[in-house]
Amino acid sequence: MELKLNVQFEELVKLANQLSLPEKQRLIAILQKTAHISKTQKGERELGKYKGKIKMADDFNSPLDDFEDYM
């Protein structure tokens, strides 16, 4: 079920303050998940996404043998 409301931010805060602690935690989790999904759908970059997963070869900047004739 999808519920769409048109409320101002202040009204939303007032409504959120009326929730019990478990309901607030659930709301926060849903909002965080939605924010993450919307970022990836927009194609925005996620910093650190590939940290530690990509490694450069030690000889990355060394001249290539194929280009010896041009050097």
N, C-alpha and C. Protein backbone atom coordinates (compact mmCIF):
# COMPACT_ATOMS: atom_id res chain seq x y z
N MET A 1 0.84 -1.18 0.00
CA MET A 1 0.00 0.00 0.00
C MET A 1 0.88 1.24 0.00
N GLU A 2 0.57 2.16 -0.88
CA GLU A 2 1.34 3.39 -0.97
C GLU A 2 0.48 4.55 -0.53
N LEU A 3 1.01 5.37 0.36
CA LEU A 3 0.27 6.50 0.90
C LEU A 3 1.03 7.77 0.54
N LYS A 4 0.36 8.67 -0.14
CA LYS A 4 1.00 9.94 -0.50
C LYS A 4 0.27 11.06 0.22
N LEU A 5 1.05 11.89 0.92
CA LEU A 5 0.49 13.02 1.64
C LEU A 5 1.21 14.29 1.24
N ASN A 6 0.50 15.38 1.31
CA ASN A 6 1.10 16.68 1.05
C ASN A 6 1.11 17.44 2.37
N VAL A 7 2.22 17.33 3.10
CA VAL A 7 2.32 18.00 4.40
C VAL A 7 3.60 18.82 4.43
N GLN A 8 3.58 19.85 5.23
CA GLN A 8 4.76 20.69 5.42
C GLN A 8 5.73 19.98 6.37
N PHE A 9 6.98 20.38 6.33
CA PHE A 9 8.00 19.74 7.15
C PHE A 9 7.66 19.83 8.64
N GLU A 10 7.19 20.98 9.07
CA GLU A 10 6.86 21.16 10.49
C GLU A 10 5.76 20.20 10.92
N GLU A 11 4.78 20.00 10.05
CA GLU A 11 3.70 19.08 10.36
C GLU A 11 4.23 17.65 10.44
N LEU A 12 5.15 17.34 9.56
CA LEU A 12 5.74 16.00 9.55
C LEU A 12 6.51 15.74 10.84
N VAL A 13 7.24 16.73 11.30
CA VAL A 13 7.99 16.60 12.56
C VAL A 13 7.03 16.39 13.72
N LYS A 14 5.95 17.15 13.75
CA LYS A 14 4.96 16.99 14.82
C LYS A 14 4.37 15.58 14.82
N LEU A 15 4.05 15.08 13.62
CA LEU A 15 3.50 13.73 13.53
C LEU A 15 4.53 12.69 13.96
N ALA A 16 5.78 12.87 13.55
CA ALA A 16 6.84 11.92 13.91
C ALA A 16 7.06 11.90 15.42
N ASN A 17 6.94 13.04 16.07
CA ASN A 17 7.13 13.12 17.52
C ASN A 17 6.05 12.38 18.29
N GLN A 18 4.93 12.13 17.67
CA GLN A 18 3.84 11.41 18.32
C GLN A 18 4.03 9.89 18.26
N LEU A 19 4.98 9.44 17.47
CA LEU A 19 5.21 7.99 17.32
C LEU A 19 5.92 7.43 18.54
N SER A 20 5.71 6.15 18.76
CA SER A 20 6.46 5.46 19.82
C SER A 20 7.90 5.24 19.32
N LEU A 21 8.79 4.90 20.23
CA LEU A 21 10.20 4.71 19.86
C LEU A 21 10.38 3.66 18.76
N PRO A 22 9.77 2.48 18.85
CA PRO A 22 9.93 1.50 17.76
C PRO A 22 9.40 2.01 16.42
N GLU A 23 8.30 2.77 16.47
CA GLU A 23 7.75 3.32 15.24
C GLU A 23 8.68 4.38 14.65
N LYS A 24 9.31 5.18 15.52
CA LYS A 24 10.28 6.19 15.06
C LYS A 24 11.48 5.50 14.41
N GLN A 25 11.96 4.44 15.04
CA GLN A 25 13.11 3.72 14.49
C GLN A 25 12.77 3.11 13.13
N ARG A 26 11.56 2.59 13.00
CA ARG A 26 11.12 2.02 11.72
C ARG A 26 11.02 3.12 10.66
N LEU A 27 10.49 4.27 11.04
CA LEU A 27 10.38 5.40 10.13
C LEU A 27 11.76 5.85 9.65
N ILE A 28 12.70 5.95 10.58
CA ILE A 28 14.07 6.35 10.23
C ILE A 28 14.69 5.35 9.27
N ALA A 29 14.51 4.07 9.52
CA ALA A 29 15.06 3.03 8.64
C ALA A 29 14.47 3.13 7.24
N ILE A 30 13.17 3.37 7.16
CA ILE A 30 12.51 3.49 5.86
C ILE A 30 13.02 4.73 5.12
N LEU A 31 13.15 5.84 5.83
CA LEU A 31 13.63 7.07 5.20
C LEU A 31 15.07 6.93 4.72
N GLN A 32 15.92 6.27 5.50
CA GLN A 32 17.30 6.06 5.10
C GLN A 32 17.37 5.18 3.86
N LYS A 33 16.56 4.14 3.83
CA LYS A 33 16.55 3.24 2.67
C LYS A 33 16.06 4.00 1.44
N THR A 34 15.02 4.80 1.60
CA THR A 34 14.48 5.57 0.49
C THR A 34 15.51 6.58 -0.01
N ALA A 35 16.22 7.23 0.90
CA ALA A 35 17.23 8.20 0.51
C ALA A 35 18.35 7.52 -0.26
N HIS A 36 18.76 6.34 0.18
CA HIS A 36 19.82 5.60 -0.51
C HIS A 36 19.37 5.18 -1.90
N ILE A 37 18.15 4.71 -2.02
CA ILE A 37 17.63 4.29 -3.32
C ILE A 37 17.53 5.49 -4.26
N SER A 38 17.03 6.60 -3.78
CA SER A 38 16.88 7.76 -4.66
C SER A 38 18.23 8.28 -5.12
N LYS A 39 19.27 8.20 -4.29
CA LYS A 39 20.60 8.63 -4.69
C LYS A 39 21.11 7.77 -5.83
N THR A 40 20.97 6.45 -5.69
CA THR A 40 21.49 5.56 -6.71
C THR A 40 20.66 5.65 -7.99
N GLN A 41 19.38 5.92 -7.87
CA GLN A 41 18.55 6.06 -9.06
C GLN A 41 18.90 7.33 -9.82
N LYS A 42 19.31 8.36 -9.14
CA LYS A 42 19.69 9.61 -9.79
C LYS A 42 21.08 9.52 -10.41
N GLY A 43 21.80 8.47 -10.10
CA GLY A 43 23.15 8.33 -10.64
C GLY A 43 24.17 9.13 -9.86
N GLU A 44 23.83 9.54 -8.66
CA GLU A 44 24.78 10.29 -7.85
C GLU A 44 25.89 9.36 -7.38
N ARG A 45 27.05 9.92 -7.20
CA ARG A 45 28.21 9.13 -6.78
C ARG A 45 28.12 8.78 -5.30
N GLU A 46 28.60 7.62 -4.99
CA GLU A 46 28.67 7.18 -3.60
C GLU A 46 30.15 7.07 -3.25
N LEU A 47 30.64 8.02 -2.47
CA LEU A 47 32.07 8.06 -2.15
C LEU A 47 32.49 6.84 -1.35
N GLY A 48 33.63 6.27 -1.72
CA GLY A 48 34.17 5.14 -1.00
C GLY A 48 33.55 3.81 -1.34
N LYS A 49 32.74 3.78 -2.38
CA LYS A 49 32.01 2.56 -2.73
C LYS A 49 32.95 1.40 -3.06
N TYR A 50 34.06 1.71 -3.71
CA TYR A 50 34.98 0.65 -4.14
C TYR A 50 36.29 0.65 -3.35
N LYS A 51 36.29 1.29 -2.20
CA LYS A 51 37.51 1.37 -1.39
C LYS A 51 38.00 -0.03 -1.03
N GLY A 52 39.27 -0.29 -1.33
CA GLY A 52 39.87 -1.59 -1.03
C GLY A 52 39.56 -2.68 -2.03
N LYS A 53 38.76 -2.37 -3.06
CA LYS A 53 38.39 -3.38 -4.04
C LYS A 53 39.18 -3.27 -5.34
N ILE A 54 39.82 -2.12 -5.56
CA ILE A 54 40.57 -1.90 -6.80
C ILE A 54 42.05 -1.76 -6.45
N LYS A 55 42.88 -2.47 -7.18
CA LYS A 55 44.32 -2.40 -6.95
C LYS A 55 45.02 -2.07 -8.25
N MET A 56 46.02 -1.19 -8.19
CA MET A 56 46.82 -0.83 -9.35
C MET A 56 48.07 -1.69 -9.38
N ALA A 57 48.47 -2.07 -10.56
CA ALA A 57 49.70 -2.83 -10.72
C ALA A 57 50.88 -1.92 -10.37
N ASP A 58 51.95 -2.50 -9.84
CA ASP A 58 53.12 -1.70 -9.47
C ASP A 58 53.74 -1.00 -10.67
N ASP A 59 53.63 -1.61 -11.85
CA ASP A 59 54.23 -1.02 -13.05
C ASP A 59 53.20 -0.25 -13.90
N PHE A 60 52.18 0.27 -13.28
CA PHE A 60 51.10 0.94 -14.00
C PHE A 60 51.61 2.08 -14.88
N ASN A 61 52.54 2.89 -14.37
CA ASN A 61 53.05 4.04 -15.12
C ASN A 61 54.27 3.71 -15.96
N SER A 62 54.71 2.49 -16.01
CA SER A 62 55.87 2.11 -16.81
C SER A 62 55.52 2.15 -18.29
N PRO A 63 56.49 2.47 -19.14
CA PRO A 63 56.23 2.50 -20.58
C PRO A 63 55.83 1.10 -21.08
N LEU A 64 54.96 1.09 -22.06
CA LEU A 64 54.52 -0.17 -22.65
C LEU A 64 55.48 -0.61 -23.74
N ASP A 65 55.77 -1.90 -23.80
CA ASP A 65 56.67 -2.44 -24.82
C ASP A 65 56.16 -2.18 -26.22
N ASP A 66 54.88 -2.16 -26.40
CA ASP A 66 54.29 -1.95 -27.74
C ASP A 66 54.61 -0.59 -28.33
N PHE A 67 54.96 0.38 -27.48
CA PHE A 67 55.22 1.74 -27.96
C PHE A 67 56.71 2.08 -28.01
N GLU A 68 57.59 1.10 -27.91
CA GLU A 68 59.04 1.37 -27.95
C GLU A 68 59.46 2.06 -29.24
N ASP A 69 58.84 1.71 -30.35
CA ASP A 69 59.21 2.31 -31.64
C ASP A 69 58.90 3.81 -31.69
N TYR A 70 57.97 4.27 -30.90
CA TYR A 70 57.56 5.67 -30.92
C TYR A 70 58.29 6.52 -29.89
N MET A 71 59.11 5.93 -29.07
CA MET A 71 59.79 6.68 -28.01
C MET A 71 61.22 6.99 -28.39
